[in-house]
C-alpha atoms as a PDB file:
ATOM      1  CA  UNK A   1       0.227   0.246   0.003  1.00  0.00           C
ATOM      2  CA  UNK A   2       2.042   2.873  -0.563  1.00  0.00           C
ATOM      3  CA  UNK A   3      -0.242   2.941   1.439  1.00  0.00           C
ATOM      4  CA  UNK A   4      -0.587   3.612   2.647  1.00  0.00           C
ATOM      5  CA  UNK A   5      -0.466   3.284   3.228  1.00  0.00           C
ATOM      6  CA  UNK A   6      -1.190   3.853   5.886  1.00  0.00           C
ATOM      7  CA  UNK A   7      -0.129   2.281   7.732  1.00  0.00           C
ATOM      8  CA  UNK A   8       3.440   1.558   7.664  1.00  0.00           C
ATOM      9  CA  UNK A   9       5.768   2.129   4.567  1.00  0.00           C
ATOM     10  CA  UNK A  10       7.655  -0.402   3.106  1.00  0.00           C
ATOM     11  CA  UNK A  11      10.552  -0.645   0.439  1.00  0.00           C
ATOM     12  CA  UNK A  12       8.075  -0.749  -2.667  1.00  0.00           C
ATOM     13  CA  UNK A  13       9.147  -0.150  -6.100  1.00  0.00           C
ATOM     14  CA  UNK A  14       7.282   2.624  -7.791  1.00  0.00           C
ATOM     15  CA  UNK A  15       7.136   3.603 -11.358  1.00  0.00           C
ATOM     16  CA  UNK A  16       7.824   7.073 -12.555  1.00  0.00           C
ATOM     17  CA  UNK A  17       6.194   9.146 -15.449  1.00  0.00           C
ATOM     18  CA  UNK A  18       8.101   7.708 -17.950  1.00  0.00           C
ATOM     19  CA  UNK A  19       7.227   3.918 -16.478  1.00  0.00           C
ATOM     20  CA  UNK A  20      10.746   3.662 -15.420  1.00  0.00           C
ATOM     21  CA  UNK A  21      11.800   2.038 -12.082  1.00  0.00           C
ATOM     22  CA  UNK A  22      12.494   4.728  -9.210  1.00  0.00           C
ATOM     23  CA  UNK A  23      14.417   4.146  -6.451  1.00  0.00           C
ATOM     24  CA  UNK A  24      12.834   2.815  -3.337  1.00  0.00           C
ATOM     25  CA  UNK A  25      11.092   5.470  -0.793  1.00  0.00           C
ATOM     26  CA  UNK A  26      12.281   5.781   2.318  1.00  0.00           C
ATOM     27  CA  UNK A  27      10.750   3.683   5.208  1.00  0.00           C
ATOM     28  CA  UNK A  28       9.105   4.793   7.906  1.00  0.00           C
ATOM     29  CA  UNK A  29      10.001   3.945  11.598  1.00  0.00           C
ATOM     30  CA  UNK A  30       9.175   5.198  15.096  1.00  0.00           C
ATOM     31  CA  UNK A  31       6.893   2.175  16.565  1.00  0.00           C
ATOM     32  CA  UNK A  32       6.239   3.064  13.702  1.00  0.00           C
ATOM     33  CA  UNK A  33       7.401   6.623  12.996  1.00  0.00           C
ATOM     34  CA  UNK A  34       5.133   8.053  10.963  1.00  0.00           C
ATOM     35  CA  UNK A  35       6.557  11.364  10.615  1.00  0.00           C
ATOM     36  CA  UNK A  36       9.854  13.098  11.613  1.00  0.00           C
ATOM     37  CA  UNK A  37       7.613  15.652  13.542  1.00  0.00           C
ATOM     38  CA  UNK A  38       6.989  16.055  17.369  1.00  0.00           C
ATOM     39  CA  UNK A  39       3.437  14.307  18.216  1.00  0.00           C
ATOM     40  CA  UNK A  40       2.180  16.775  19.769  1.00  0.00           C
ATOM     41  CA  UNK A  41      -1.112  17.927  19.084  1.00  0.00           C
ATOM     42  CA  UNK A  42      -1.166  20.727  21.764  1.00  0.00           C
ATOM     43  CA  UNK A  43       1.495  22.487  19.330  1.00  0.00           C
ATOM     44  CA  UNK A  44      -0.096  20.972  16.035  1.00  0.00           C
ATOM     45  CA  UNK A  45      -1.373  18.381  13.918  1.00  0.00           C
ATOM     46  CA  UNK A  46       1.399  18.270  11.423  1.00  0.00           C
ATOM     47  CA  UNK A  47       2.356  14.863  12.958  1.00  0.00           C
ATOM     48  CA  UNK A  48      -1.252  12.983  12.545  1.00  0.00           C
ATOM     49  CA  UNK A  49      -1.109  14.929   9.043  1.00  0.00           C
ATOM     50  CA  UNK A  50       2.199  13.703   7.953  1.00  0.00           C
ATOM     51  CA  UNK A  51       1.622   9.712   9.496  1.00  0.00           C
ATOM     52  CA  UNK A  52      -1.713   8.964   7.167  1.00  0.00           C
ATOM     53  CA  UNK A  53      -1.573  11.453   4.258  1.00  0.00           C
ATOM     54  CA  UNK A  54       2.128  11.458   3.623  1.00  0.00           C
ATOM     55  CA  UNK A  55       3.552  15.011   3.736  1.00  0.00           C
ATOM     56  CA  UNK A  56       2.801  16.097  -0.014  1.00  0.00           C
ATOM     57  CA  UNK A  57      -1.061  14.436   0.451  1.00  0.00           C
ATOM     58  CA  UNK A  58      -1.231  16.642   3.476  1.00  0.00           C
ATOM     59  CA  UNK A  59      -1.094  19.789   1.714  1.00  0.00           C
ATOM     60  CA  UNK A  60      -4.543  18.902  -0.053  1.00  0.00           C
ATOM     61  CA  UNK A  61      -5.940  20.495   3.129  1.00  0.00           C
ATOM     62  CA  UNK A  62      -4.559  23.860   2.283  1.00  0.00           C
ATOM     63  CA  UNK A  63      -6.611  24.048  -0.892  1.00  0.00           C
ATOM     64  CA  UNK A  64      -9.890  24.570   1.152  1.00  0.00           C
ATOM     65  CA  UNK A  65     -10.709  27.146   3.772  1.00  0.00           C
ATOM     66  CA  UNK A  66     -12.339  26.220   7.179  1.00  0.00           C
ATOM     67  CA  UNK A  67     -15.648  26.808   6.399  1.00  0.00           C
ATOM     68  CA  UNK A  68     -15.560  24.581   2.998  1.00  0.00           C
ATOM     69  CA  UNK A  69     -13.937  21.817   5.170  1.00  0.00           C
ATOM     70  CA  UNK A  70     -16.794  22.306   7.950  1.00  0.00           C
ATOM     71  CA  UNK A  71     -18.885  21.778   5.407  1.00  0.00           C
ATOM     72  CA  UNK A  72     -17.659  18.750   3.280  1.00  0.00           C
ATOM     73  CA  UNK A  73     -17.103  16.910   6.486  1.00  0.00           C
ATOM     74  CA  UNK A  74     -19.831  17.100   7.341  1.00  0.00           C
ATOM     75  CA  UNK A  75     -21.210  15.141   4.568  1.00  0.00           C
ATOM     76  CA  UNK A  76     -18.541  12.599   4.724  1.00  0.00           C
ATOM     77  CA  UNK A  77     -19.887  12.527   8.940  1.00  0.00           C
ATOM     78  CA  UNK A  78     -23.500  11.060   7.679  1.00  0.00           C
ATOM     79  CA  UNK A  79     -21.752   8.874   5.265  1.00  0.00           C
ATOM     80  CA  UNK A  80     -19.442   6.996   8.717  1.00  0.00           C
ATOM     81  CA  UNK A  81     -22.764   6.626  11.111  1.00  0.00           C
ATOM     82  CA  UNK A  82     -23.736   3.149   9.207  1.00  0.00           C
ATOM     83  CA  UNK A  83     -26.512   2.830  12.123  1.00  0.00           C
ATOM     84  CA  UNK A  84     -27.668   6.687  11.454  1.00  0.00           C
ATOM     85  CA  UNK A  85     -28.013   7.033  15.144  1.00  0.00           C
ATOM     86  CA  UNK A  86     -26.636  10.393  15.168  1.00  0.00           C
ATOM     87  CA  UNK A  87     -23.384   9.185  16.615  1.00  0.00           C
ATOM     88  CA  UNK A  88     -19.896   7.887  15.008  1.00  0.00           C
ATOM     89  CA  UNK A  89     -18.283   5.192  17.175  1.00  0.00           C
ATOM     90  CA  UNK A  90     -14.817   3.777  17.365  1.00  0.00           C
ATOM     91  CA  UNK A  91     -15.907   0.816  15.551  1.00  0.00           C
ATOM     92  CA  UNK A  92     -17.787   2.798  12.753  1.00  0.00           C
ATOM     93  CA  UNK A  93     -14.546   5.082  12.539  1.00  0.00           C
ATOM     94  CA  UNK A  94     -12.131   2.177  12.186  1.00  0.00           C
ATOM     95  CA  UNK A  95     -14.567   0.743   9.370  1.00  0.00           C
ATOM     96  CA  UNK A  96     -14.455   3.782   7.786  1.00  0.00           C
ATOM     97  CA  UNK A  97     -10.355   4.306   7.771  1.00  0.00           C
ATOM     98  CA  UNK A  98     -10.178   0.768   6.513  1.00  0.00           C
ATOM     99  CA  UNK A  99     -12.691   1.455   3.924  1.00  0.00           C
ATOM    100  CA  UNK A 100     -10.344   4.411   2.461  1.00  0.00           C
ATOM    101  CA  UNK A 101      -7.245   2.419   2.893  1.00  0.00           C
ATOM    102  CA  UNK A 102      -8.662  -0.203   0.413  1.00  0.00           C
ATOM    103  CA  UNK A 103     -10.399   2.443  -1.830  1.00  0.00           C
ATOM    104  CA  UNK A 104      -6.465   3.823  -1.809  1.00  0.00           C
ATOM    105  CA  UNK A 105      -5.071   0.608  -2.837  1.00  0.00           C
ATOM    106  CA  UNK A 106      -7.236  -0.315  -5.382  1.00  0.00           C
ATOM    107  CA  UNK A 107      -7.705   3.271  -6.989  1.00  0.00           C
ATOM    108  CA  UNK A 108      -3.965   3.168  -7.503  1.00  0.00           C
ATOM    109  CA  UNK A 109      -4.321  -0.504  -9.208  1.00  0.00           C
ATOM    110  CA  UNK A 110      -6.934   1.313 -11.532  1.00  0.00           C
ATOM    111  CA  UNK A 111      -4.143   3.873 -12.575  1.00  0.00           C
ATOM    112  CA  UNK A 112      -1.640   1.898 -13.722  1.00  0.00           C
ATOM    113  CA  UNK A 113      -3.962  -1.239 -15.219  1.00  0.00           C
ATOM    114  CA  UNK A 114      -4.333   0.133 -18.611  1.00  0.00           C
ATOM    115  CA  UNK A 115      -0.585   1.303 -18.986  1.00  0.00           C
ATOM    116  CA  UNK A 116       0.637  -2.329 -18.177  1.00  0.00           C
ATOM    117  CA  UNK A 117      -2.502  -4.231 -20.193  1.00  0.00           C
ATOM    118  CA  UNK A 118      -0.949  -3.727 -23.581  1.00  0.00           C
ATOM    119  CA  UNK A 119      -2.850  -6.374 -25.536  1.00  0.00           C
ATOM    120  CA  UNK A 120      -6.131  -5.273 -23.548  1.00  0.00           C
ATOM    121  CA  UNK A 121      -7.070  -8.961 -22.521  1.00  0.00           C
ATOM    122  CA  UNK A 122      -8.182  -7.761 -18.958  1.00  0.00           C
ATOM    123  CA  UNK A 123      -4.665  -9.753 -17.808  1.00  0.00           C
ATOM    124  CA  UNK A 124      -1.215  -8.412 -17.073  1.00  0.00           C
ATOM    125  CA  UNK A 125       1.934 -10.907 -18.508  1.00  0.00           C
ATOM    126  CA  UNK A 126       5.250 -10.333 -16.536  1.00  0.00           C
ATOM    127  CA  UNK A 127       6.666  -9.509 -20.030  1.00  0.00           C
ATOM    128  CA  UNK A 128       4.067  -6.509 -20.524  1.00  0.00           C
ATOM    129  CA  UNK A 129       4.939  -5.516 -17.228  1.00  0.00           C
ATOM    130  CA  UNK A 130       8.648  -6.284 -17.593  1.00  0.00           C
ATOM    131  CA  UNK A 131       8.526  -4.563 -21.334  1.00  0.00           C
ATOM    132  CA  UNK A 132       6.827  -1.117 -19.962  1.00  0.00           C
ATOM    133  CA  UNK A 133       8.956  -0.912 -17.046  1.00  0.00           C
ATOM    134  CA  UNK A 134      12.377  -1.944 -18.080  1.00  0.00           C
ATOM    135  CA  UNK A 135      12.094  -1.699 -21.849  1.00  0.00           C
ATOM    136  CA  UNK A 136      14.301   1.312 -22.301  1.00  0.00           C
ATOM    137  CA  UNK A 137      16.814  -0.304 -20.345  1.00  0.00           C
ATOM    138  CA  UNK A 138      16.782  -3.665 -21.873  1.00  0.00           C
ATOM    139  CA  UNK A 139      16.916  -1.948 -25.381  1.00  0.00           C
ATOM    140  CA  UNK A 140      19.783  -0.032 -24.380  1.00  0.00           C
ATOM    141  CA  UNK A 141      21.332  -1.206 -20.835  1.00  0.00           C
ATOM    142  CA  UNK A 142      23.770   1.493 -19.428  1.00  0.00           C
ATOM    143  CA  UNK A 143      26.660  -0.207 -17.740  1.00  0.00           C
ATOM    144  CA  UNK A 144      27.637   3.158 -16.254  1.00  0.00           C
ATOM    145  CA  UNK A 145      24.475   4.033 -14.925  1.00  0.00           C
ATOM    146  CA  UNK A 146      24.906   3.997 -11.050  1.00  0.00           C
ATOM    147  CA  UNK A 147      21.037   2.699 -10.788  1.00  0.00           C
ATOM    148  CA  UNK A 148      21.306  -1.025 -10.707  1.00  0.00           C
ATOM    149  CA  UNK A 149      18.018  -2.002 -13.045  1.00  0.00           C
ATOM    150  CA  UNK A 150      18.982  -5.647 -13.589  1.00  0.00           C
ATOM    151  CA  UNK A 151      18.699  -5.872  -9.800  1.00  0.00           C
ATOM    152  CA  UNK A 152      15.586  -4.282  -9.528  1.00  0.00           C
ATOM    153  CA  UNK A 153      14.096  -6.288 -12.613  1.00  0.00           C
ATOM    154  CA  UNK A 154      15.187  -9.831 -10.777  1.00  0.00           C
ATOM    155  CA  UNK A 155      13.260  -8.638  -7.911  1.00  0.00           C
ATOM    156  CA  UNK A 156      10.145  -7.803  -9.359  1.00  0.00           C
ATOM    157  CA  UNK A 157      10.280 -10.719 -11.241  1.00  0.00           C
ATOM    158  CA  UNK A 158      10.250 -12.252  -7.681  1.00  0.00           C
ATOM    159  CA  UNK A 159       7.523 -10.737  -6.191  1.00  0.00           C
ATOM    160  CA  UNK A 160       5.273 -11.083  -9.688  1.00  0.00           C
ATOM    161  CA  UNK A 161       6.037 -14.805  -9.411  1.00  0.00           C
ATOM    162  CA  UNK A 162       4.913 -14.945  -5.592  1.00  0.00           C
ATOM    163  CA  UNK A 163       1.598 -13.077  -6.247  1.00  0.00           C
ATOM    164  CA  UNK A 164       0.733 -15.087  -9.333  1.00  0.00           C
ATOM    165  CA  UNK A 165      -0.676 -18.089  -7.586  1.00  0.00           C
ATOM    166  CA  UNK A 166      -1.132 -20.431 -10.171  1.00  0.00           C
ATOM    167  CA  UNK A 167       2.301 -19.843 -11.990  1.00  0.00           C
ATOM    168  CA  UNK A 168       1.376 -18.782 -15.110  1.00  0.00           C
ATOM    169  CA  UNK A 169       3.225 -15.389 -15.119  1.00  0.00           C
ATOM    170  CA  UNK A 170      -0.182 -13.793 -16.236  1.00  0.00           C
ATOM    171  CA  UNK A 171      -1.436 -11.370 -13.165  1.00  0.00           C
ATOM    172  CA  UNK A 172      -5.301 -11.119 -12.717  1.00  0.00           C
ATOM    173  CA  UNK A 173      -6.163  -7.664 -11.205  1.00  0.00           C
ATOM    174  CA  UNK A 174      -6.320  -9.287  -7.511  1.00  0.00           C
ATOM    175  CA  UNK A 175      -2.949 -10.985  -8.221  1.00  0.00           C
ATOM    176  CA  UNK A 176      -1.504  -7.632  -9.536  1.00  0.00           C
ATOM    177  CA  UNK A 177      -2.942  -5.863  -6.724  1.00  0.00           C
ATOM    178  CA  UNK A 178      -1.072  -8.083  -4.600  1.00  0.00           C
ATOM    179  CA  UNK A 179       2.155  -7.472  -6.631  1.00  0.00           C
ATOM    180  CA  UNK A 180       1.680  -3.805  -6.659  1.00  0.00           C
ATOM    181  CA  UNK A 181       0.832  -3.714  -2.687  1.00  0.00           C
ATOM    182  CA  UNK A 182       1.937  -6.838  -0.952  1.00  0.00           C
ATOM    183  CA  UNK A 183       1.483  -5.811   2.733  1.00  0.00           C
ATOM    184  CA  UNK A 184      -2.169  -6.474   2.136  1.00  0.00           C
ATOM    185  CA  UNK A 185      -2.210  -9.916   1.361  1.00  0.00           C
ATOM    186  CA  UNK A 186      -1.242 -12.751   3.936  1.00  0.00           C
ATOM    187  CA  UNK A 187       0.628 -14.921   1.290  1.00  0.00           C
ATOM    188  CA  UNK A 188       3.095 -11.978   0.538  1.00  0.00           C
ATOM    189  CA  UNK A 189       4.048 -10.846   3.612  1.00  0.00           C
ATOM    190  CA  UNK A 190       7.262 -12.540   3.692  1.00  0.00           C
ATOM    191  CA  UNK A 191       8.340 -10.978   0.252  1.00  0.00           C
ATOM    192  CA  UNK A 192       7.788  -7.618   2.228  1.00  0.00           C
ATOM    193  CA  UNK A 193       9.629  -9.077   4.862  1.00  0.00           C
ATOM    194  CA  UNK A 194      12.674 -10.212   2.539  1.00  0.00           C
ATOM    195  CA  UNK A 195      12.692  -7.185   0.770  1.00  0.00           C
ATOM    196  CA  UNK A 196      12.992  -4.788   3.765  1.00  0.00           C
ATOM    197  CA  UNK A 197      15.847  -7.014   4.939  1.00  0.00           C
ATOM    198  CA  UNK A 198      17.578  -6.708   1.928  1.00  0.00           C
ATOM    199  CA  UNK A 199      17.387  -3.177   2.000  1.00  0.00           C
ATOM    200  CA  UNK A 200      18.708  -2.704   5.937  1.00  0.00           C
ATOM    201  CA  UNK A 201      21.135  -5.753   5.430  1.00  0.00           C
ATOM    202  CA  UNK A 202      24.315  -4.170   4.047  1.00  0.00           C
ATOM    203  CA  UNK A 203      26.848  -6.441   4.648  1.00  0.00           C
ATOM    204  CA  UNK A 204      24.185  -9.502   3.543  1.00  0.00           C
ATOM    205  CA  UNK A 205      24.936 -11.667   6.211  1.00  0.00           C
ATOM    206  CA  UNK A 206      20.902 -12.526   6.331  1.00  0.00           C
ATOM    207  CA  UNK A 207      20.398 -10.121   9.963  1.00  0.00           C
ATOM    208  CA  UNK A 208      19.880  -6.603  10.485  1.00  0.00           C
ATOM    209  CA  UNK A 209      22.077  -5.526  13.110  1.00  0.00           C
ATOM    210  CA  UNK A 210      21.878  -2.423  15.335  1.00  0.00           C
ATOM    211  CA  UNK A 211      23.849  -0.063  12.543  1.00  0.00           C
ATOM    212  CA  UNK A 212      22.312  -1.247   9.981  1.00  0.00           C
ATOM    213  CA  UNK A 213      18.818  -0.335  11.659  1.00  0.00           C
ATOM    214  CA  UNK A 214      19.765   2.998  12.517  1.00  0.00           C
ATOM    215  CA  UNK A 215      21.879   3.356   8.964  1.00  0.00           C
ATOM    216  CA  UNK A 216      18.583   2.733   7.432  1.00  0.00           C
ATOM    217  CA  UNK A 217      16.962   5.912   9.017  1.00  0.00           C
ATOM    218  CA  UNK A 218      19.492   8.228  10.038  1.00  0.00           C
ATOM    219  CA  UNK A 219      22.870   9.791   8.016  1.00  0.00           C
ATOM    220  CA  UNK A 220      25.742   9.457  10.076  1.00  0.00           C
ATOM    221  CA  UNK A 221      27.892  11.316   7.560  1.00  0.00           C
ATOM    222  CA  UNK A 222      27.705  14.340   9.694  1.00  0.00           C
ATOM    223  CA  UNK A 223      29.770  15.058  12.764  1.00  0.00           C
ATOM    224  CA  UNK A 224      26.342  16.655  14.688  1.00  0.00           C
ATOM    225  CA  UNK A 225      25.459  14.698  17.641  1.00  0.00           C
ATOM    226  CA  UNK A 226      22.449  12.322  17.108  1.00  0.00           C
ATOM    227  CA  UNK A 227      19.615  13.932  17.348  1.00  0.00           C
ATOM    228  CA  UNK A 228      17.049  11.987  20.580  1.00  0.00           C
ATOM    229  CA  UNK A 229      14.540  10.497  18.391  1.00  0.00           C
ATOM    230  CA  UNK A 230      17.950   8.290  17.222  1.00  0.00           C
ATOM    231  CA  UNK A 231      18.662   7.468  20.553  1.00  0.00           C
ATOM    232  CA  UNK A 232      15.164   6.450  21.131  1.00  0.00           C
ATOM    233  CA  UNK A 233      15.513   4.251  18.378  1.00  0.00           C
ATOM    234  CA  UNK A 234      18.736   2.674  19.510  1.00  0.00           C
ATOM    235  CA  UNK A 235      16.588   1.915  22.624  1.00  0.00           C
ATOM    236  CA  UNK A 236      14.279   0.441  20.690  1.00  0.00           C
ATOM    237  CA  UNK A 237      15.883  -2.086  18.812  1.00  0.00           C
ATOM    238  CA  UNK A 238      17.714  -3.151  22.138  1.00  0.00           C
ATOM    239  CA  UNK A 239      14.709  -3.604  24.445  1.00  0.00           C
ATOM    240  CA  UNK A 240      11.559  -4.529  21.844  1.00  0.00           C
ATOM    241  CA  UNK A 241      13.116  -5.362  18.298  1.00  0.00           C
ATOM    242  CA  UNK A 242      15.948  -7.448  19.334  1.00  0.00           C
ATOM    243  CA  UNK A 243      14.157 -10.141  21.351  1.00  0.00           C
ATOM    244  CA  UNK A 244      16.528 -12.754  21.916  1.00  0.00           C
ATOM    245  CA  UNK A 245      19.239 -10.452  22.873  1.00  0.00           C
ATOM    246  CA  UNK A 246      21.704 -11.579  20.345  1.00  0.00           C
ATOM    247  CA  UNK A 247      22.540  -8.035  18.969  1.00  0.00           C
ATOM    248  CA  UNK A 248      20.565  -8.374  15.726  1.00  0.00           C
ATOM    249  CA  UNK A 249      17.106  -9.019  13.978  1.00  0.00           C
ATOM    250  CA  UNK A 250      16.593 -11.902  12.247  1.00  0.00           C
ATOM    251  CA  UNK A 251      13.489 -12.852   9.907  1.00  0.00           C
ATOM    252  CA  UNK A 252      11.007 -13.402  12.478  1.00  0.00           C
ATOM    253  CA  UNK A 253      12.250 -10.417  14.675  1.00  0.00           C
ATOM    254  CA  UNK A 254      11.937  -8.304  11.431  1.00  0.00           C
ATOM    255  CA  UNK A 255       8.585  -9.086  10.672  1.00  0.00           C
ATOM    256  CA  UNK A 256       7.498  -8.549  14.096  1.00  0.00           C
ATOM    257  CA  UNK A 257       8.638  -4.958  13.683  1.00  0.00           C
ATOM    258  CA  UNK A 258       7.384  -4.283  10.255  1.00  0.00           C
ATOM    259  CA  UNK A 259       4.094  -6.154  10.401  1.00  0.00           C
ATOM    260  CA  UNK A 260       3.094  -6.844  13.989  1.00  0.00           C
ATOM    261  CA  UNK A 261       0.224  -9.165  14.434  1.00  0.00           C
ATOM    262  CA  UNK A 262      -1.128  -7.285  17.210  1.00  0.00           C
ATOM    263  CA  UNK A 263      -1.465  -3.952  16.131  1.00  0.00           C
ATOM    264  CA  UNK A 264      -4.070  -2.323  13.902  1.00  0.00           C
ATOM    265  CA  UNK A 265      -3.546   0.867  12.610  1.00  0.00           C
ATOM    266  CA  UNK A 266      -6.825   1.655  11.840  1.00  0.00           C
ATOM    267  CA  UNK A 267      -8.275   0.921  15.219  1.00  0.00           C
ATOM    268  CA  UNK A 268      -4.976   3.131  17.028  1.00  0.00           C
ATOM    269  CA  UNK A 269      -5.798   6.229  14.338  1.00  0.00           C
ATOM    270  CA  UNK A 270     -10.002   5.536  15.326  1.00  0.00           C
ATOM    271  CA  UNK A 271      -8.930   5.625  18.893  1.00  0.00           C
ATOM    272  CA  UNK A 272      -7.016   8.484  18.550  1.00  0.00           C
ATOM    273  CA  UNK A 273      -9.669  10.536  16.808  1.00  0.00           C
ATOM    274  CA  UNK A 274     -12.428   9.918  19.149  1.00  0.00           C
ATOM    275  CA  UNK A 275      -9.639  10.755  22.271  1.00  0.00           C
ATOM    276  CA  UNK A 276      -9.412  13.940  20.589  1.00  0.00           C
ATOM    277  CA  UNK A 277     -12.512  15.052  19.503  1.00  0.00           C
ATOM    278  CA  UNK A 278     -15.084  13.257  22.386  1.00  0.00           C
ATOM    279  CA  UNK A 279     -15.976  16.539  24.264  1.00  0.00           C
ATOM    280  CA  UNK A 280     -18.318  15.044  26.479  1.00  0.00           C
ATOM    281  CA  UNK A 281     -16.678  11.800  26.904  1.00  0.00           C
ATOM    282  CA  UNK A 282     -19.184   9.735  26.152  1.00  0.00           C
ATOM    283  CA  UNK A 283     -17.049   7.347  23.931  1.00  0.00           C
ATOM    284  CA  UNK A 284     -18.739   8.472  20.339  1.00  0.00           C
ATOM    285  CA  UNK A 285     -18.725  11.350  18.039  1.00  0.00           C
ATOM    286  CA  UNK A 286     -21.385  13.517  17.321  1.00  0.00           C
ATOM    287  CA  UNK A 287     -21.277  15.390  13.951  1.00  0.00           C
ATOM    288  CA  UNK A 288     -20.826  18.638  16.022  1.00  0.00           C
ATOM    289  CA  UNK A 289     -17.968  17.509  18.028  1.00  0.00           C
ATOM    290  CA  UNK A 290     -16.188  16.146  14.495  1.00  0.00           C
ATOM    291  CA  UNK A 291     -16.734  19.442  12.745  1.00  0.00           C
ATOM    292  CA  UNK A 292     -15.181  21.307  15.627  1.00  0.00           C
ATOM    293  CA  UNK A 293     -11.948  19.101  15.312  1.00  0.00           C
ATOM    294  CA  UNK A 294     -12.147  19.518  11.294  1.00  0.00           C
ATOM    295  CA  UNK A 295      -8.747  20.360  11.334  1.00  0.00           C
ATOM    296  CA  UNK A 296      -7.478  17.290  13.070  1.00  0.00           C
ATOM    297  CA  UNK A 297      -9.852  15.111  11.109  1.00  0.00           C
ATOM    298  CA  UNK A 298      -8.894  16.696   7.433  1.00  0.00           C
ATOM    299  CA  UNK A 299      -5.428  15.362   8.317  1.00  0.00           C
ATOM    300  CA  UNK A 300      -6.648  11.674   9.026  1.00  0.00           C
ATOM    301  CA  UNK A 301      -7.198   8.887   6.897  1.00  0.00           C
ATOM    302  CA  UNK A 302     -11.029   9.500   7.738  1.00  0.00           C
ATOM    303  CA  UNK A 303     -11.481  11.905   4.538  1.00  0.00           C
ATOM    304  CA  UNK A 304      -9.765   9.920   2.275  1.00  0.00           C
ATOM    305  CA  UNK A 305      -6.058  11.213   2.483  1.00  0.00           C
ATOM    306  CA  UNK A 306      -8.217  15.014   2.281  1.00  0.00           C
ATOM    307  CA  UNK A 307      -9.101  14.275  -1.252  1.00  0.00           C
ATOM    308  CA  UNK A 308     -12.647  13.668  -0.470  1.00  0.00           C
ATOM    309  CA  UNK A 309     -12.773  17.234   1.138  1.00  0.00           C
ATOM    310  CA  UNK A 310     -11.577  18.742  -2.199  1.00  0.00           C
ATOM    311  CA  UNK A 311     -14.066  16.484  -4.300  1.00  0.00           C
ATOM    312  CA  UNK A 312     -17.537  16.789  -4.737  1.00  0.00           C
ATOM    313  CA  UNK A 313     -18.444  13.485  -5.187  1.00  0.00           C
ATOM    314  CA  UNK A 314     -17.201  12.359  -1.586  1.00  0.00           C
ATOM    315  CA  UNK A 315     -17.493   8.539  -1.710  1.00  0.00           C
END
């Protein structure tokens, strides 16, 4: 999910406008670190905006006046309130956030589908994907290019084959979705872990040590003292990531870190939104309570990455 997010940000290979592969996006950590901003709602909601929108998507809120945001958010509230009792519960908000997550994933697939389905047969073969994505490189490989397209193509092929359940090297829309957003599918989670470890494990010994873990998120090229968040991450590695205390993270420990089974990001965000907005502390939200906190909500996945507020066809 360049998801979404999301949710955790994994090392998914993205496509640029010219259909050539680009370098991996930065991973997002900090239990997990969803933003490099301080999570202090008394100062701003920037952390929440970045965590659930990404820095660029969060800017969509700036396109609206407060009055417009409140009006359109009110319309969305009526859709979140599934039982139409006039209240939004944590469960309803969780369901809504998960719905927007799924919508983001499938919208992303739809945007790319026509580009890769070259023969318009409703399927995407590995050959089609390879030719569209790596065609320029295959036609004229540049040995002096520092970007390793060959390595990326091998990695993409491995993921494509894992997503392709029947092994025919032809992806249905569901299989192509699993290829683009492996974190959304249980049978693809091993490839998410493997790719993450390959990115961080610089000495290729099959595990992630402390310095590799820190080096993935912090540039040591300067002489300045490490910021406090880096020191916190070191403590997190020792106390929580490295469960068997052997000084490194193996495959299972890495999986627990990036794909924790006991943590639901949608539930956590819903809980946070309710806590921050529930003025009378009755455990549920009225339309007025939500609209009063419009600046918090437009920065959460409850509004489809802010896009629903700049459209007139909200869900």
